[in-house]
Amino acid sequence: MKNPKLSVFPWRRLPYGTAALSLLLALGFCIAFFCMAQNLPETVPLHWSENGGIDKWGPKSGLYHLPIISLVFGAVAFPSSVALIRRDLNGAAYFINGISLFVTCLMALVAAFFVSAAGA
């Protein structure tokens, strides 16, 4: 039987750290958004037109999907990347974590635009 590789080796810390970072960033964005959502007005912008103006308004619950999407990506990416790292597929793990980080940053940027347009 093959001995499992320990995760304390220096070349194994970075992949696990990236996996943890992607999950913690998504969780942090989710917590920060829902703490900030209490201060949002009841009606917020939900869509921009192609000319850059706001063309759809709705309840603030219409923005709740933004942090949930990033949290789901982070929750799926973490165990997937840990499984890939244990199989020595670090490149695939980095790719999955990169997608998770990209989605989290994109959702945070979109949320920032909507919150700033709401005037909160």
PDB file of N, CA and C in Angstrom:
ATOM      1  N   MET A   1       0.841  -1.183   0.000  1.00  0.00           N
ATOM      2  CA  MET A   1       0.000   0.000   0.000  1.00  0.00           C
ATOM      3  C   MET A   1       0.887   1.248   0.000  1.00  0.00           C
ATOM      4  N   LYS A   2       0.500   2.206  -0.780  1.00  0.00           N
ATOM      5  CA  LYS A   2       1.252   3.440  -0.916  1.00  0.00           C
ATOM      6  C   LYS A   2       0.997   4.356   0.282  1.00  0.00           C
ATOM      7  N   ASN A   3       2.053   4.966   0.804  1.00  0.00           N
ATOM      8  CA  ASN A   3       1.884   5.920   1.893  1.00  0.00           C
ATOM      9  C   ASN A   3       1.370   7.245   1.350  1.00  0.00           C
ATOM     10  N   PRO A   4       0.376   7.845   2.005  1.00  0.00           N
ATOM     11  CA  PRO A   4      -0.112   9.143   1.529  1.00  0.00           C
ATOM     12  C   PRO A   4       0.932  10.227   1.784  1.00  0.00           C
ATOM     13  N   LYS A   5       0.993  11.181   0.895  1.00  0.00           N
ATOM     14  CA  LYS A   5       1.948  12.275   1.048  1.00  0.00           C
ATOM     15  C   LYS A   5       1.421  13.248   2.088  1.00  0.00           C
ATOM     16  N   LEU A   6       2.325  13.723   2.896  1.00  0.00           N
ATOM     17  CA  LEU A   6       1.942  14.679   3.920  1.00  0.00           C
ATOM     18  C   LEU A   6       1.771  16.060   3.292  1.00  0.00           C
ATOM     19  N   SER A   7       0.850  16.829   3.843  1.00  0.00           N
ATOM     20  CA  SER A   7       0.587  18.151   3.285  1.00  0.00           C
ATOM     21  C   SER A   7       1.503  19.212   3.863  1.00  0.00           C
ATOM     22  N   VAL A   8       2.492  18.824   4.682  1.00  0.00           N
ATOM     23  CA  VAL A   8       3.367  19.808   5.299  1.00  0.00           C
ATOM     24  C   VAL A   8       4.576  20.131   4.444  1.00  0.00           C
ATOM     25  N   PHE A   9       4.766  19.419   3.363  1.00  0.00           N
ATOM     26  CA  PHE A   9       5.887  19.734   2.501  1.00  0.00           C
ATOM     27  C   PHE A   9       5.680  21.115   1.887  1.00  0.00           C
ATOM     28  N   PRO A  10       6.758  21.884   1.716  1.00  0.00           N
ATOM     29  CA  PRO A  10       6.604  23.254   1.194  1.00  0.00           C
ATOM     30  C   PRO A  10       5.918  23.324  -0.160  1.00  0.00           C
ATOM     31  N   TRP A  11       6.155  22.357  -1.040  1.00  0.00           N
ATOM     32  CA  TRP A  11       5.533  22.409  -2.360  1.00  0.00           C
ATOM     33  C   TRP A  11       4.066  22.004  -2.318  1.00  0.00           C
ATOM     34  N   ARG A  12       3.569  21.550  -1.169  1.00  0.00           N
ATOM     35  CA  ARG A  12       2.166  21.183  -1.038  1.00  0.00           C
ATOM     36  C   ARG A  12       1.357  22.263  -0.330  1.00  0.00           C
ATOM     37  N   ARG A  13       2.005  23.251   0.279  1.00  0.00           N
ATOM     38  CA  ARG A  13       1.286  24.279   1.021  1.00  0.00           C
ATOM     39  C   ARG A  13       0.553  25.244   0.107  1.00  0.00           C
ATOM     40  N   LEU A  14       1.160  25.627  -0.982  1.00  0.00           N
ATOM     41  CA  LEU A  14       0.553  26.617  -1.864  1.00  0.00           C
ATOM     42  C   LEU A  14      -0.753  26.128  -2.482  1.00  0.00           C
ATOM     43  N   PRO A  15      -0.853  24.921  -2.986  1.00  0.00           N
ATOM     44  CA  PRO A  15      -2.140  24.495  -3.535  1.00  0.00           C
ATOM     45  C   PRO A  15      -3.252  24.449  -2.484  1.00  0.00           C
ATOM     46  N   TYR A  16      -2.928  23.940  -1.295  1.00  0.00           N
ATOM     47  CA  TYR A  16      -3.940  23.908  -0.236  1.00  0.00           C
ATOM     48  C   TYR A  16      -4.291  25.322   0.222  1.00  0.00           C
ATOM     49  N   GLY A  17      -3.301  26.199   0.265  1.00  0.00           N
ATOM     50  CA  GLY A  17      -3.555  27.589   0.648  1.00  0.00           C
ATOM     51  C   GLY A  17      -4.447  28.301  -0.356  1.00  0.00           C
ATOM     52  N   THR A  18      -4.242  28.017  -1.626  1.00  0.00           N
ATOM     53  CA  THR A  18      -5.091  28.613  -2.660  1.00  0.00           C
ATOM     54  C   THR A  18      -6.524  28.107  -2.550  1.00  0.00           C
ATOM     55  N   ALA A  19      -6.677  26.832  -2.244  1.00  0.00           N
ATOM     56  CA  ALA A  19      -8.019  26.270  -2.067  1.00  0.00           C
ATOM     57  C   ALA A  19      -8.708  26.914  -0.880  1.00  0.00           C
ATOM     58  N   ALA A  20      -7.982  27.068   0.220  1.00  0.00           N
ATOM     59  CA  ALA A  20      -8.567  27.703   1.405  1.00  0.00           C
ATOM     60  C   ALA A  20      -8.882  29.171   1.147  1.00  0.00           C
ATOM     61  N   LEU A  21      -8.005  29.851   0.414  1.00  0.00           N
ATOM     62  CA  LEU A  21      -8.233  31.265   0.102  1.00  0.00           C
ATOM     63  C   LEU A  21      -9.503  31.456  -0.717  1.00  0.00           C
ATOM     64  N   SER A  22      -9.721  30.612  -1.705  1.00  0.00           N
ATOM     65  CA  SER A  22     -10.907  30.777  -2.546  1.00  0.00           C
ATOM     66  C   SER A  22     -12.184  30.569  -1.743  1.00  0.00           C
ATOM     67  N   LEU A  23     -12.171  29.602  -0.822  1.00  0.00           N
ATOM     68  CA  LEU A  23     -13.350  29.368   0.012  1.00  0.00           C
ATOM     69  C   LEU A  23     -13.541  30.498   1.022  1.00  0.00           C
ATOM     70  N   LEU A  24     -12.468  30.937   1.670  1.00  0.00           N
ATOM     71  CA  LEU A  24     -12.586  31.997   2.669  1.00  0.00           C
ATOM     72  C   LEU A  24     -12.978  33.335   2.051  1.00  0.00           C
ATOM     73  N   LEU A  25     -12.489  33.622   0.865  1.00  0.00           N
ATOM     74  CA  LEU A  25     -12.868  34.861   0.198  1.00  0.00           C
ATOM     75  C   LEU A  25     -14.355  34.853  -0.153  1.00  0.00           C
ATOM     76  N   ALA A  26     -14.860  33.730  -0.650  1.00  0.00           N
ATOM     77  CA  ALA A  26     -16.280  33.632  -0.974  1.00  0.00           C
ATOM     78  C   ALA A  26     -17.127  33.742   0.287  1.00  0.00           C
ATOM     79  N   LEU A  27     -16.697  33.098   1.363  1.00  0.00           N
ATOM     80  CA  LEU A  27     -17.430  33.164   2.623  1.00  0.00           C
ATOM     81  C   LEU A  27     -17.396  34.579   3.198  1.00  0.00           C
ATOM     82  N   GLY A  28     -16.253  35.217   3.116  1.00  0.00           N
ATOM     83  CA  GLY A  28     -16.138  36.598   3.593  1.00  0.00           C
ATOM     84  C   GLY A  28     -17.011  37.558   2.808  1.00  0.00           C
ATOM     85  N   PHE A  29     -17.059  37.381   1.488  1.00  0.00           N
ATOM     86  CA  PHE A  29     -17.922  38.236   0.667  1.00  0.00           C
ATOM     87  C   PHE A  29     -19.383  38.020   1.021  1.00  0.00           C
ATOM     88  N   CYS A  30     -19.767  36.771   1.243  1.00  0.00           N
ATOM     89  CA  CYS A  30     -21.153  36.453   1.587  1.00  0.00           C
ATOM     90  C   CYS A  30     -21.540  37.096   2.927  1.00  0.00           C
ATOM     91  N   ILE A  31     -20.678  36.965   3.919  1.00  0.00           N
ATOM     92  CA  ILE A  31     -20.954  37.561   5.229  1.00  0.00           C
ATOM     93  C   ILE A  31     -21.007  39.075   5.133  1.00  0.00           C
ATOM     94  N   ALA A  32     -20.040  39.675   4.447  1.00  0.00           N
ATOM     95  CA  ALA A  32     -20.006  41.136   4.317  1.00  0.00           C
ATOM     96  C   ALA A  32     -21.229  41.657   3.574  1.00  0.00           C
ATOM     97  N   PHE A  33     -21.648  40.945   2.527  1.00  0.00           N
ATOM     98  CA  PHE A  33     -22.797  41.418   1.762  1.00  0.00           C
ATOM     99  C   PHE A  33     -24.069  41.387   2.608  1.00  0.00           C
ATOM    100  N   PHE A  34     -24.294  40.297   3.316  1.00  0.00           N
ATOM    101  CA  PHE A  34     -25.526  40.206   4.091  1.00  0.00           C
ATOM    102  C   PHE A  34     -25.518  41.131   5.297  1.00  0.00           C
ATOM    103  N   CYS A  35     -24.348  41.459   5.841  1.00  0.00           N
ATOM    104  CA  CYS A  35     -24.278  42.476   6.891  1.00  0.00           C
ATOM    105  C   CYS A  35     -24.582  43.860   6.323  1.00  0.00           C
ATOM    106  N   MET A  36     -24.104  44.115   5.107  1.00  0.00           N
ATOM    107  CA  MET A  36     -24.330  45.402   4.463  1.00  0.00           C
ATOM    108  C   MET A  36     -25.745  45.509   3.898  1.00  0.00           C
ATOM    109  N   ALA A  37     -26.364  44.396   3.574  1.00  0.00           N
ATOM    110  CA  ALA A  37     -27.694  44.411   2.963  1.00  0.00           C
ATOM    111  C   ALA A  37     -28.755  44.957   3.907  1.00  0.00           C
ATOM    112  N   GLN A  38     -28.480  44.916   5.186  1.00  0.00           N
ATOM    113  CA  GLN A  38     -29.440  45.475   6.142  1.00  0.00           C
ATOM    114  C   GLN A  38     -29.591  46.977   5.962  1.00  0.00           C
ATOM    115  N   ASN A  39     -28.548  47.639   5.479  1.00  0.00           N
ATOM    116  CA  ASN A  39     -28.579  49.093   5.302  1.00  0.00           C
ATOM    117  C   ASN A  39     -29.058  49.527   3.925  1.00  0.00           C
ATOM    118  N   LEU A  40     -29.331  48.585   3.053  1.00  0.00           N
ATOM    119  CA  LEU A  40     -29.805  48.931   1.711  1.00  0.00           C
ATOM    120  C   LEU A  40     -31.252  49.410   1.768  1.00  0.00           C
ATOM    121  N   PRO A  41     -31.621  50.304   0.857  1.00  0.00           N
ATOM    122  CA  PRO A  41     -33.036  50.675   0.777  1.00  0.00           C
ATOM    123  C   PRO A  41     -33.861  49.486   0.286  1.00  0.00           C
ATOM    124  N   GLU A  42     -35.152  49.554   0.494  1.00  0.00           N
ATOM    125  CA  GLU A  42     -36.019  48.435   0.106  1.00  0.00           C
ATOM    126  C   GLU A  42     -36.077  48.247  -1.407  1.00  0.00           C
ATOM    127  N   THR A  43     -35.912  49.312  -2.181  1.00  0.00           N
ATOM    128  CA  THR A  43     -35.903  49.219  -3.640  1.00  0.00           C
ATOM    129  C   THR A  43     -34.497  49.540  -4.141  1.00  0.00           C
ATOM    130  N   VAL A  44     -33.937  48.604  -4.896  1.00  0.00           N
ATOM    131  CA  VAL A  44     -32.568  48.752  -5.401  1.00  0.00           C
ATOM    132  C   VAL A  44     -32.567  48.510  -6.907  1.00  0.00           C
ATOM    133  N   PRO A  45     -31.546  49.015  -7.621  1.00  0.00           N
ATOM    134  CA  PRO A  45     -31.460  48.718  -9.054  1.00  0.00           C
ATOM    135  C   PRO A  45     -31.083  47.258  -9.282  1.00  0.00           C
ATOM    136  N   LEU A  46     -31.696  46.657 -10.270  1.00  0.00           N
ATOM    137  CA  LEU A  46     -31.438  45.252 -10.572  1.00  0.00           C
ATOM    138  C   LEU A  46     -30.887  45.024 -11.973  1.00  0.00           C
ATOM    139  N   HIS A  47     -30.957  46.035 -12.848  1.00  0.00           N
ATOM    140  CA  HIS A  47     -30.494  45.835 -14.220  1.00  0.00           C
ATOM    141  C   HIS A  47     -30.104  47.162 -14.834  1.00  0.00           C
ATOM    142  N   TRP A  48     -29.059  47.142 -15.653  1.00  0.00           N
ATOM    143  CA  TRP A  48     -28.651  48.313 -16.413  1.00  0.00           C
ATOM    144  C   TRP A  48     -28.996  48.111 -17.875  1.00  0.00           C
ATOM    145  N   SER A  49     -29.333  49.205 -18.530  1.00  0.00           N
ATOM    146  CA  SER A  49     -29.604  49.131 -19.969  1.00  0.00           C
ATOM    147  C   SER A  49     -28.277  49.159 -20.720  1.00  0.00           C
ATOM    148  N   GLU A  50     -28.364  48.970 -22.023  1.00  0.00           N
ATOM    149  CA  GLU A  50     -27.141  48.980 -22.823  1.00  0.00           C
ATOM    150  C   GLU A  50     -26.512  50.365 -22.892  1.00  0.00           C
ATOM    151  N   ASN A  51     -27.263  51.395 -22.581  1.00  0.00           N
ATOM    152  CA  ASN A  51     -26.738  52.751 -22.586  1.00  0.00           C
ATOM    153  C   ASN A  51     -26.128  53.142 -21.247  1.00  0.00           C
ATOM    154  N   GLY A  52     -26.207  52.270 -20.264  1.00  0.00           N
ATOM    155  CA  GLY A  52     -25.603  52.548 -18.974  1.00  0.00           C
ATOM    156  C   GLY A  52     -26.563  53.048 -17.924  1.00  0.00           C
ATOM    157  N   GLY A  53     -27.817  53.271 -18.268  1.00  0.00           N
ATOM    158  CA  GLY A  53     -28.790  53.726 -17.292  1.00  0.00           C
ATOM    159  C   GLY A  53     -29.494  52.548 -16.629  1.00  0.00           C
ATOM    160  N   ILE A  54     -30.039  52.811 -15.482  1.00  0.00           N
ATOM    161  CA  ILE A  54     -30.764  51.774 -14.758  1.00  0.00           C
ATOM    162  C   ILE A  54     -32.149  51.637 -15.367  1.00  0.00           C
ATOM    163  N   ASP A  55     -32.532  50.412 -15.727  1.00  0.00           N
ATOM    164  CA  ASP A  55     -33.842  50.229 -16.349  1.00  0.00           C
ATOM    165  C   ASP A  55     -34.735  49.236 -15.595  1.00  0.00           C
ATOM    166  N   LYS A  56     -34.272  48.708 -14.461  1.00  0.00           N
ATOM    167  CA  LYS A  56     -35.121  47.822 -13.677  1.00  0.00           C
ATOM    168  C   LYS A  56     -34.788  47.978 -12.202  1.00  0.00           C
ATOM    169  N   TRP A  57     -35.802  48.201 -11.413  1.00  0.00           N
ATOM    170  CA  TRP A  57     -35.671  48.310  -9.971  1.00  0.00           C
ATOM    171  C   TRP A  57     -36.490  47.207  -9.325  1.00  0.00           C
ATOM    172  N   GLY A  58     -36.098  46.808  -8.138  1.00  0.00           N
ATOM    173  CA  GLY A  58     -36.836  45.761  -7.449  1.00  0.00           C
ATOM    174  C   GLY A  58     -36.456  45.704  -5.981  1.00  0.00           C
ATOM    175  N   PRO A  59     -36.951  44.705  -5.278  1.00  0.00           N
ATOM    176  CA  PRO A  59     -36.620  44.592  -3.847  1.00  0.00           C
ATOM    177  C   PRO A  59     -35.156  44.200  -3.653  1.00  0.00           C
ATOM    178  N   LYS A  60     -34.641  44.524  -2.479  1.00  0.00           N
ATOM    179  CA  LYS A  60     -33.228  44.228  -2.233  1.00  0.00           C
ATOM    180  C   LYS A  60     -32.955  42.731  -2.205  1.00  0.00           C
ATOM    181  N   SER A  61     -33.965  41.927  -2.038  1.00  0.00           N
ATOM    182  CA  SER A  61     -33.756  40.475  -2.088  1.00  0.00           C
ATOM    183  C   SER A  61     -33.384  40.013  -3.497  1.00  0.00           C
ATOM    184  N   GLY A  62     -33.570  40.861  -4.486  1.00  0.00           N
ATOM    185  CA  GLY A  62     -33.167  40.538  -5.846  1.00  0.00           C
ATOM    186  C   GLY A  62     -31.658  40.500  -6.028  1.00  0.00           C
ATOM    187  N   LEU A  63     -30.911  41.024  -5.053  1.00  0.00           N
ATOM    188  CA  LEU A  63     -29.452  41.007  -5.110  1.00  0.00           C
ATOM    189  C   LEU A  63     -28.847  39.870  -4.290  1.00  0.00           C
ATOM    190  N   TYR A  64     -29.654  39.117  -3.594  1.00  0.00           N
ATOM    191  CA  TYR A  64     -29.136  38.076  -2.690  1.00  0.00           C
ATOM    192  C   TYR A  64     -28.452  36.935  -3.435  1.00  0.00           C
ATOM    193  N   HIS A  65     -28.735  36.777  -4.703  1.00  0.00           N
ATOM    194  CA  HIS A  65     -28.113  35.680  -5.437  1.00  0.00           C
ATOM    195  C   HIS A  65     -26.623  35.930  -5.701  1.00  0.00           C
ATOM    196  N   LEU A  66     -26.177  37.165  -5.661  1.00  0.00           N
ATOM    197  CA  LEU A  66     -24.771  37.469  -5.963  1.00  0.00           C
ATOM    198  C   LEU A  66     -23.807  36.796  -4.980  1.00  0.00           C
ATOM    199  N   PRO A  67     -23.979  36.947  -3.658  1.00  0.00           N
ATOM    200  CA  PRO A  67     -23.043  36.256  -2.769  1.00  0.00           C
ATOM    201  C   PRO A  67     -23.277  34.747  -2.720  1.00  0.00           C
ATOM    202  N   ILE A  68     -24.514  34.319  -2.957  1.00  0.00           N
ATOM    203  CA  ILE A  68     -24.804  32.884  -2.924  1.00  0.00           C
ATOM    204  C   ILE A  68     -24.072  32.178  -4.070  1.00  0.00           C
ATOM    205  N   ILE A  69     -24.036  32.792  -5.232  1.00  0.00           N
ATOM    206  CA  ILE A  69     -23.338  32.196  -6.383  1.00  0.00           C
ATOM    207  C   ILE A  69     -21.860  32.009  -6.063  1.00  0.00           C
ATOM    208  N   SER A  70     -21.230  33.034  -5.505  1.00  0.00           N
ATOM    209  CA  SER A  70     -19.802  32.916  -5.200  1.00  0.00           C
ATOM    210  C   SER A  70     -19.557  31.899  -4.092  1.00  0.00           C
ATOM    211  N   LEU A  71     -20.454  31.817  -3.120  1.00  0.00           N
ATOM    212  CA  LEU A  71     -20.283  30.846  -2.043  1.00  0.00           C
ATOM    213  C   LEU A  71     -20.439  29.414  -2.552  1.00  0.00           C
ATOM    214  N   VAL A  72     -21.362  29.199  -3.473  1.00  0.00           N
ATOM    215  CA  VAL A  72     -21.533  27.866  -4.057  1.00  0.00           C
ATOM    216  C   VAL A  72     -20.292  27.473  -4.855  1.00  0.00           C
ATOM    217  N   PHE A  73     -19.752  28.393  -5.643  1.00  0.00           N
ATOM    218  CA  PHE A  73     -18.529  28.096  -6.390  1.00  0.00           C
ATOM    219  C   PHE A  73     -17.379  27.775  -5.438  1.00  0.00           C
ATOM    220  N   GLY A  74     -17.251  28.541  -4.357  1.00  0.00           N
ATOM    221  CA  GLY A  74     -16.188  28.271  -3.391  1.00  0.00           C
ATOM    222  C   GLY A  74     -16.377  26.950  -2.674  1.00  0.00           C
ATOM    223  N   ALA A  75     -17.625  26.618  -2.334  1.00  0.00           N
ATOM    224  CA  ALA A  75     -17.901  25.366  -1.633  1.00  0.00           C
ATOM    225  C   ALA A  75     -17.680  24.151  -2.528  1.00  0.00           C
ATOM    226  N   VAL A  76     -17.904  24.296  -3.807  1.00  0.00           N
ATOM    227  CA  VAL A  76     -17.659  23.189  -4.733  1.00  0.00           C
ATOM    228  C   VAL A  76     -16.172  23.102  -5.084  1.00  0.00           C
ATOM    229  N   ALA A  77     -15.520  24.239  -5.199  1.00  0.00           N
ATOM    230  CA  ALA A  77     -14.109  24.249  -5.595  1.00  0.00           C
ATOM    231  C   ALA A  77     -13.201  23.693  -4.503  1.00  0.00           C
ATOM    232  N   PHE A  78     -13.539  23.920  -3.247  1.00  0.00           N
ATOM    233  CA  PHE A  78     -12.648  23.490  -2.169  1.00  0.00           C
ATOM    234  C   PHE A  78     -12.464  21.972  -2.116  1.00  0.00           C
ATOM    235  N   PRO A  79     -13.535  21.186  -1.983  1.00  0.00           N
ATOM    236  CA  PRO A  79     -13.285  19.731  -1.942  1.00  0.00           C
ATOM    237  C   PRO A  79     -12.776  19.171  -3.268  1.00  0.00           C
ATOM    238  N   SER A  80     -13.188  19.788  -4.355  1.00  0.00           N
ATOM    239  CA  SER A  80     -12.692  19.323  -5.656  1.00  0.00           C
ATOM    240  C   SER A  80     -11.195  19.535  -5.773  1.00  0.00           C
ATOM    241  N   SER A  81     -10.734  20.708  -5.369  1.00  0.00           N
ATOM    242  CA  SER A  81      -9.306  20.986  -5.489  1.00  0.00           C
ATOM    243  C   SER A  81      -8.492  20.179  -4.479  1.00  0.00           C
ATOM    244  N   VAL A  82      -9.033  19.928  -3.292  1.00  0.00           N
ATOM    245  CA  VAL A  82      -8.314  19.081  -2.334  1.00  0.00           C
ATOM    246  C   VAL A  82      -8.157  17.672  -2.895  1.00  0.00           C
ATOM    247  N   ALA A  83      -9.213  17.152  -3.513  1.00  0.00           N
ATOM    248  CA  ALA A  83      -9.119  15.821  -4.128  1.00  0.00           C
ATOM    249  C   ALA A  83      -8.100  15.812  -5.263  1.00  0.00           C
ATOM    250  N   LEU A  84      -8.050  16.882  -6.045  1.00  0.00           N
ATOM    251  CA  LEU A  84      -7.081  16.956  -7.141  1.00  0.00           C
ATOM    252  C   LEU A  84      -5.652  17.089  -6.627  1.00  0.00           C
ATOM    253  N   ILE A  85      -5.473  17.842  -5.547  1.00  0.00           N
ATOM    254  CA  ILE A  85      -4.134  18.005  -4.979  1.00  0.00           C
ATOM    255  C   ILE A  85      -3.630  16.668  -4.444  1.00  0.00           C
ATOM    256  N   ARG A  86      -4.500  15.914  -3.825  1.00  0.00           N
ATOM    257  CA  ARG A  86      -4.095  14.604  -3.296  1.00  0.00           C
ATOM    258  C   ARG A  86      -3.738  13.622  -4.398  1.00  0.00           C
ATOM    259  N   ARG A  87      -4.230  13.868  -5.587  1.00  0.00           N
ATOM    260  CA  ARG A  87      -3.861  13.029  -6.737  1.00  0.00           C
ATOM    261  C   ARG A  87      -2.722  13.641  -7.541  1.00  0.00           C
ATOM    262  N   ASP A  88      -2.082  14.669  -6.993  1.00  0.00           N
ATOM    263  CA  ASP A  88      -0.959  15.376  -7.617  1.00  0.00           C
ATOM    264  C   ASP A  88      -1.341  16.031  -8.940  1.00  0.00           C
ATOM    265  N   LEU A  89      -2.540  16.546  -9.011  1.00  0.00           N
ATOM    266  CA  LEU A  89      -2.999  17.311 -10.174  1.00  0.00           C
ATOM    267  C   LEU A  89      -3.145  18.772  -9.763  1.00  0.00           C
ATOM    268  N   ASN A  90      -2.030  19.377  -9.368  1.00  0.00           N
ATOM    269  CA  ASN A  90      -2.058  20.749  -8.855  1.00  0.00           C
ATOM    270  C   ASN A  90      -2.517  21.758  -9.899  1.00  0.00           C
ATOM    271  N   GLY A  91      -2.192  21.546 -11.145  1.00  0.00           N
ATOM    272  CA  GLY A  91      -2.610  22.476 -12.192  1.00  0.00           C
ATOM    273  C   GLY A  91      -4.117  22.550 -12.312  1.00  0.00           C
ATOM    274  N   ALA A  92      -4.775  21.412 -12.246  1.00  0.00           N
ATOM    275  CA  ALA A  92      -6.238  21.398 -12.304  1.00  0.00           C
ATOM    276  C   ALA A  92      -6.835  22.037 -11.062  1.00  0.00           C
ATOM    277  N   ALA A  93      -6.191  21.826  -9.914  1.00  0.00           N
ATOM    278  CA  ALA A  93      -6.672  22.450  -8.677  1.00  0.00           C
ATOM    279  C   ALA A  93      -6.542  23.967  -8.752  1.00  0.00           C
ATOM    280  N   TYR A  94      -5.413  24.443  -9.281  1.00  0.00           N
ATOM    281  CA  TYR A  94      -5.244  25.886  -9.459  1.00  0.00           C
ATOM    282  C   TYR A  94      -6.297  26.452 -10.415  1.00  0.00           C
ATOM    283  N   PHE A  95      -6.603  25.720 -11.455  1.00  0.00           N
ATOM    284  CA  PHE A  95      -7.606  26.168 -12.421  1.00  0.00           C
ATOM    285  C   PHE A  95      -8.981  26.297 -11.758  1.00  0.00           C
ATOM    286  N   ILE A  96      -9.372  25.296 -10.989  1.00  0.00           N
ATOM    287  CA  ILE A  96     -10.674  25.336 -10.310  1.00  0.00           C
ATOM    288  C   ILE A  96     -10.718  26.478  -9.300  1.00  0.00           C
ATOM    289  N   ASN A  97      -9.642  26.655  -8.540  1.00  0.00           N
ATOM    290  CA  ASN A  97      -9.604  27.751  -7.576  1.00  0.00           C
ATOM    291  C   ASN A  97      -9.571  29.110  -8.264  1.00  0.00           C
ATOM    292  N   GLY A  98      -8.936  29.174  -9.414  1.00  0.00           N
ATOM    293  CA  GLY A  98      -8.939  30.417 -10.177  1.00  0.00           C
ATOM    294  C   GLY A  98     -10.328  30.791 -10.649  1.00  0.00           C
ATOM    295  N   ILE A  99     -11.091  29.804 -11.078  1.00  0.00           N
ATOM    296  CA  ILE A  99     -12.475  30.069 -11.473  1.00  0.00           C
ATOM    297  C   ILE A  99     -13.275  30.562 -10.279  1.00  0.00           C
ATOM    298  N   SER A 100     -13.095  29.926  -9.131  1.00  0.00           N
ATOM    299  CA  SER A 100     -13.809  30.341  -7.924  1.00  0.00           C
ATOM    300  C   SER A 100     -13.441  31.766  -7.517  1.00  0.00           C
ATOM    301  N   LEU A 101     -12.156  32.086  -7.553  1.00  0.00           N
ATOM    302  CA  LEU A 101     -11.720  33.442  -7.213  1.00  0.00           C
ATOM    303  C   LEU A 101     -12.252  34.468  -8.208  1.00  0.00           C
ATOM    304  N   PHE A 102     -12.245  34.118  -9.482  1.00  0.00           N
ATOM    305  CA  PHE A 102     -12.768  35.021 -10.505  1.00  0.00           C
ATOM    306  C   PHE A 102     -14.253  35.291 -10.292  1.00  0.00           C
ATOM    307  N   VAL A 103     -15.023  34.243 -10.038  1.00  0.00           N
ATOM    308  CA  VAL A 103     -16.465  34.408  -9.826  1.00  0.00           C
ATOM    309  C   VAL A 103     -16.729  35.255  -8.589  1.00  0.00           C
ATOM    310  N   THR A 104     -15.982  35.038  -7.519  1.00  0.00           N
ATOM    311  CA  THR A 104     -16.168  35.821  -6.299  1.00  0.00           C
ATOM    312  C   THR A 104     -15.854  37.293  -6.544  1.00  0.00           C
ATOM    313  N   CYS A 105     -14.749  37.569  -7.211  1.00  0.00           N
ATOM    314  CA  CYS A 105     -14.394  38.967  -7.503  1.00  0.00           C
ATOM    315  C   CYS A 105     -15.396  39.618  -8.443  1.00  0.00           C
ATOM    316  N   LEU A 106     -15.872  38.874  -9.428  1.00  0.00           N
ATOM    317  CA  LEU A 106     -16.862  39.412 -10.354  1.00  0.00           C
ATOM    318  C   LEU A 106     -18.175  39.728  -9.643  1.00  0.00           C
ATOM    319  N   MET A 107     -18.638  38.824  -8.795  1.00  0.00           N
ATOM    320  CA  MET A 107     -19.886  39.059  -8.061  1.00  0.00           C
ATOM    321  C   MET A 107     -19.727  40.222  -7.084  1.00  0.00           C
ATOM    322  N   ALA A 108     -18.556  40.355  -6.475  1.00  0.00           N
ATOM    323  CA  ALA A 108     -18.317  41.484  -5.572  1.00  0.00           C
ATOM    324  C   ALA A 108     -18.322  42.803  -6.342  1.00  0.00           C
ATOM    325  N   LEU A 109     -17.762  42.802  -7.533  1.00  0.00           N
ATOM    326  CA  LEU A 109     -17.760  44.010  -8.355  1.00  0.00           C
ATOM    327  C   LEU A 109     -19.171  44.387  -8.787  1.00  0.00           C
ATOM    328  N   VAL A 110     -19.939  43.407  -9.227  1.00  0.00           N
ATOM    329  CA  VAL A 110     -21.327  43.673  -9.629  1.00  0.00           C
ATOM    330  C   VAL A 110     -22.136  44.159  -8.436  1.00  0.00           C
ATOM    331  N   ALA A 111     -21.951  43.533  -7.281  1.00  0.00           N
ATOM    332  CA  ALA A 111     -22.667  43.966  -6.080  1.00  0.00           C
ATOM    333  C   ALA A 111     -22.287  45.392  -5.701  1.00  0.00           C
ATOM    334  N   ALA A 112     -21.007  45.738  -5.851  1.00  0.00           N
ATOM    335  CA  ALA A 112     -20.575  47.098  -5.540  1.00  0.00           C
ATOM    336  C   ALA A 112     -21.231  48.113  -6.469  1.00  0.00           C
ATOM    337  N   PHE A 113     -21.376  47.785  -7.753  1.00  0.00           N
ATOM    338  CA  PHE A 113     -22.056  48.688  -8.681  1.00  0.00           C
ATOM    339  C   PHE A 113     -23.516  48.887  -8.289  1.00  0.00           C
ATOM    340  N   PHE A 114     -24.201  47.806  -7.972  1.00  0.00           N
ATOM    341  CA  PHE A 114     -25.614  47.906  -7.619  1.00  0.00           C
ATOM    342  C   PHE A 114     -25.809  48.640  -6.299  1.00  0.00           C
ATOM    343  N   VAL A 115     -24.948  48.395  -5.325  1.00  0.00           N
ATOM    344  CA  VAL A 115     -25.072  49.054  -4.034  1.00  0.00           C
ATOM    345  C   VAL A 115     -24.766  50.537  -4.154  1.00  0.00           C
ATOM    346  N   SER A 116     -23.762  50.883  -4.957  1.00  0.00           N
ATOM    347  CA  SER A 116     -23.453  52.298  -5.133  1.00  0.00           C
ATOM    348  C   SER A 116     -24.562  53.019  -5.897  1.00  0.00           C
ATOM    349  N   ALA A 117     -25.192  52.335  -6.839  1.00  0.00           N
ATOM    350  CA  ALA A 117     -26.305  52.949  -7.554  1.00  0.00           C
ATOM    351  C   ALA A 117     -27.541  53.090  -6.678  1.00  0.00           C
ATOM    352  N   ALA A 118     -27.654  52.231  -5.670  1.00  0.00           N
ATOM    353  CA  ALA A 118     -28.790  52.321  -4.740  1.00  0.00           C
ATOM    354  C   ALA A 118     -28.611  53.477  -3.773  1.00  0.00           C
ATOM    355  N   GLY A 119     -27.390  53.976  -3.664  1.00  0.00           N
ATOM    356  CA  GLY A 119     -27.146  55.122  -2.803  1.00  0.00           C
ATOM    357  C   GLY A 119     -26.942  54.753  -1.358  1.00  0.00           C
ATOM    358  N   ALA A 120     -26.557  53.515  -1.090  1.00  0.00           N
ATOM    359  CA  ALA A 120     -26.360  53.103   0.314  1.00  0.00           C
ATOM    360  C   ALA A 120     -24.941  53.304   0.748  1.00  0.00           C
TER     361      ALA A 120
END
